Amino acid sequence: MMKIFISHKKEDELTALKVVNTLTSAGVDAYLDLLDNITADDGEKLTKHIRGKLRECTDVIVILSSNTKKSWWVPFEIGMATEKDMPIANYLISQESLPDYLTYWPRLKSQEDVLKYIEIRNKVSKQIILEKTLNHGYYQRTDGGMSETQKFYQELKKHL
């Protein structure tokens, strides 16, 4: 079952909450870290907390705005998700110029795009399960050597 980690800068919390509401209304579990004071000032605790929450999730949506440029944690969360080959999408609040490393992932621009994300993600996951069942394979790579995540990116970008 899909559970999406919402990566964001505190200043973009309202948009992050809107994305969470869209996800939960569509039946998708989401994690949004509204930090409490217990971990906020302790780098080691916060790092462990973020790692643990990312491990519980299957996907990441990154809320991007001009505020993101000032974040130390958003790039950390993206790096962790990339390391795990988790599907990542950027939710653009405004038309910011993105660093090159952020342009690879699909760009969501509206709540409707969030719903497309869910639809395409579920569709690709079902296709992969079917392919694995038919091929009796237990491999992470699918047709053409693409991972499930790469196949998802390719399909989602067609619909955005």
Protein backbone atom coordinates (compact mmCIF):
# COMPACT_ATOMS: atom_id res chain seq x y z
CA MET A 1 0.00 0.00 0.00
CA MET A 2 1.23 3.45 -0.93
CA LYS A 3 2.33 5.88 1.79
CA ILE A 4 3.76 9.22 0.70
CA PHE A 5 6.33 11.23 2.64
CA ILE A 6 5.80 14.97 2.13
CA SER A 7 9.12 16.82 2.11
CA HIS A 8 8.78 20.56 2.63
CA LYS A 9 10.17 23.70 4.21
CA LYS A 10 8.17 24.93 7.22
CA GLU A 11 7.18 28.10 5.34
CA ASP A 12 5.37 25.92 2.77
CA GLU A 13 3.35 24.03 5.38
CA LEU A 14 -0.08 25.19 4.11
CA THR A 15 0.56 23.82 0.63
CA ALA A 16 1.93 20.62 2.15
CA LEU A 17 -1.28 20.25 4.19
CA LYS A 18 -3.39 20.71 1.03
CA VAL A 19 -1.42 17.93 -0.69
CA VAL A 20 -1.91 15.67 2.34
CA ASN A 21 -5.66 16.39 2.31
CA THR A 22 -5.85 15.49 -1.39
CA LEU A 23 -3.93 12.26 -0.79
CA THR A 24 -5.96 11.17 2.22
CA SER A 25 -9.25 12.05 0.48
CA ALA A 26 -8.14 9.68 -2.29
CA GLY A 27 -7.42 6.92 0.23
CA VAL A 28 -3.64 7.30 0.23
CA ASP A 29 -1.75 7.46 3.50
CA ALA A 30 0.67 10.37 3.88
CA TYR A 31 3.29 11.49 6.37
CA LEU A 32 3.84 15.20 6.93
CA ASP A 33 6.37 16.10 9.58
CA LEU A 34 5.09 19.01 11.60
CA LEU A 35 8.07 18.98 13.92
CA ASP A 36 7.59 19.13 17.61
CA ASN A 37 10.11 20.80 19.87
CA ILE A 38 11.49 17.46 21.06
CA THR A 39 13.44 16.77 17.84
CA ALA A 40 13.62 20.21 16.22
CA ASP A 41 16.81 21.28 18.02
CA ASP A 42 18.58 17.91 18.13
CA GLY A 43 20.23 17.08 14.80
CA GLU A 44 20.92 13.44 15.65
CA LYS A 45 17.36 12.77 16.87
CA LEU A 46 15.92 14.60 13.87
CA THR A 47 18.07 12.62 11.42
CA LYS A 48 16.99 9.32 13.00
CA HIS A 49 13.37 10.47 13.03
CA ILE A 50 13.43 11.41 9.32
CA ARG A 51 15.19 8.18 8.33
CA GLY A 52 12.62 6.13 10.24
CA LYS A 53 9.67 7.95 8.70
CA LEU A 54 11.13 7.61 5.18
CA ARG A 55 11.53 3.86 5.76
CA GLU A 56 7.79 3.66 6.50
CA CYS A 57 6.91 5.35 3.20
CA THR A 58 6.89 4.17 -0.41
CA ASP A 59 7.02 7.54 -2.23
CA VAL A 60 8.08 11.16 -1.70
CA ILE A 61 6.43 14.37 -2.86
CA VAL A 62 8.68 17.41 -2.46
CA ILE A 63 6.97 20.78 -2.03
CA LEU A 64 9.16 23.26 -3.93
CA SER A 65 9.20 27.04 -3.70
CA SER A 66 11.75 29.80 -3.29
CA ASN A 67 11.83 28.77 0.40
CA THR A 68 13.25 25.35 -0.49
CA LYS A 69 16.56 26.91 -1.50
CA LYS A 70 17.14 27.71 2.19
CA SER A 71 16.45 24.17 3.40
CA TRP A 72 19.07 21.74 4.62
CA TRP A 73 16.60 18.93 5.24
CA VAL A 74 14.76 18.78 1.91
CA PRO A 75 17.94 17.82 -0.01
CA PHE A 76 18.72 15.26 2.72
CA GLU A 77 15.26 13.71 2.35
CA ILE A 78 15.58 13.65 -1.45
CA GLY A 79 18.99 11.97 -1.14
CA MET A 80 17.61 9.32 1.21
CA ALA A 81 14.67 8.63 -1.12
CA THR A 82 16.94 8.46 -4.17
CA GLU A 83 19.19 5.98 -2.39
CA LYS A 84 16.16 3.72 -1.84
CA ASP A 85 14.91 4.21 -5.46
CA MET A 86 11.65 5.60 -4.10
CA PRO A 87 9.39 7.39 -6.57
CA ILE A 88 9.80 11.15 -6.14
CA ALA A 89 7.75 14.00 -7.58
CA ASN A 90 8.14 17.74 -7.15
CA TYR A 91 5.07 19.80 -6.31
CA LEU A 92 5.79 23.29 -7.63
CA ILE A 93 4.23 26.16 -5.70
CA SER A 94 5.65 28.69 -8.14
CA GLN A 95 7.67 28.56 -11.34
CA GLU A 96 11.05 28.54 -9.67
CA SER A 97 14.14 27.74 -11.63
CA LEU A 98 15.11 24.32 -10.34
CA PRO A 99 18.63 23.05 -9.79
CA ASP A 100 19.50 20.50 -12.47
CA TYR A 101 19.25 17.55 -10.09
CA LEU A 102 15.58 18.38 -9.38
CA THR A 103 14.46 18.53 -13.01
CA TYR A 104 14.68 14.74 -13.44
CA TRP A 105 11.55 14.02 -11.42
CA PRO A 106 7.97 14.64 -12.55
CA ARG A 107 6.56 18.08 -11.68
CA LEU A 108 3.13 18.36 -10.13
CA LYS A 109 1.52 21.80 -10.34
CA SER A 110 -1.98 21.28 -8.95
CA GLN A 111 -4.10 19.05 -6.75
CA GLU A 112 -5.38 17.43 -9.98
CA ASP A 113 -1.77 16.46 -10.76
CA VAL A 114 -1.55 14.83 -7.32
CA LEU A 115 -4.57 12.72 -8.24
CA LYS A 116 -2.90 11.80 -11.58
CA TYR A 117 0.18 10.79 -9.58
CA ILE A 118 -1.91 8.37 -7.52
CA GLU A 119 -3.69 6.98 -10.57
CA ILE A 120 -0.53 6.39 -12.61
CA ARG A 121 1.41 5.05 -9.62
CA ASN A 122 -1.29 2.45 -8.94
CA LYS A 123 -1.53 1.56 -12.64
CA VAL A 124 2.23 1.03 -13.02
CA SER A 125 2.43 -0.97 -9.77
CA LYS A 126 -0.32 -3.30 -11.01
CA GLN A 127 1.45 -3.69 -14.38
CA ILE A 128 4.71 -4.59 -12.65
CA ILE A 129 3.00 -7.16 -10.42
CA LEU A 130 1.33 -8.68 -13.48
CA GLU A 131 4.63 -8.79 -15.42
CA LYS A 132 6.40 -10.41 -12.49
CA THR A 133 3.60 -12.95 -12.11
CA LEU A 134 3.56 -13.82 -15.82
CA ASN A 135 7.34 -14.04 -16.02
CA HIS A 136 7.65 -15.79 -12.67
CA GLY A 137 10.44 -13.34 -11.94
CA TYR A 138 11.28 -11.70 -8.70
CA TYR A 139 13.40 -8.89 -10.08
CA GLN A 140 13.24 -5.18 -9.50
CA ARG A 141 13.94 -4.48 -13.18
CA THR A 142 11.19 -4.74 -15.77
CA ASP A 143 11.07 -4.59 -19.56
CA GLY A 144 14.07 -2.88 -21.10
CA GLY A 145 16.04 -2.84 -17.85
CA MET A 146 13.90 -0.09 -16.32
CA SER A 147 13.16 -0.13 -12.61
CA GLU A 148 9.58 0.21 -11.45
CA THR A 149 10.39 3.78 -10.40
CA GLN A 150 11.78 4.69 -13.84
CA LYS A 151 8.77 3.15 -15.55
CA PHE A 152 6.48 5.18 -13.27
CA TYR A 153 8.34 8.44 -14.07
CA GLN A 154 8.06 7.75 -17.80
CA GLU A 155 4.32 7.07 -17.57
CA LEU A 156 3.52 10.00 -15.24
CA LYS A 157 5.44 12.52 -17.37
CA LYS A 158 3.23 11.57 -20.34
CA HIS A 159 0.15 12.65 -18.36
CA LEU A 160 1.40 15.90 -16.82
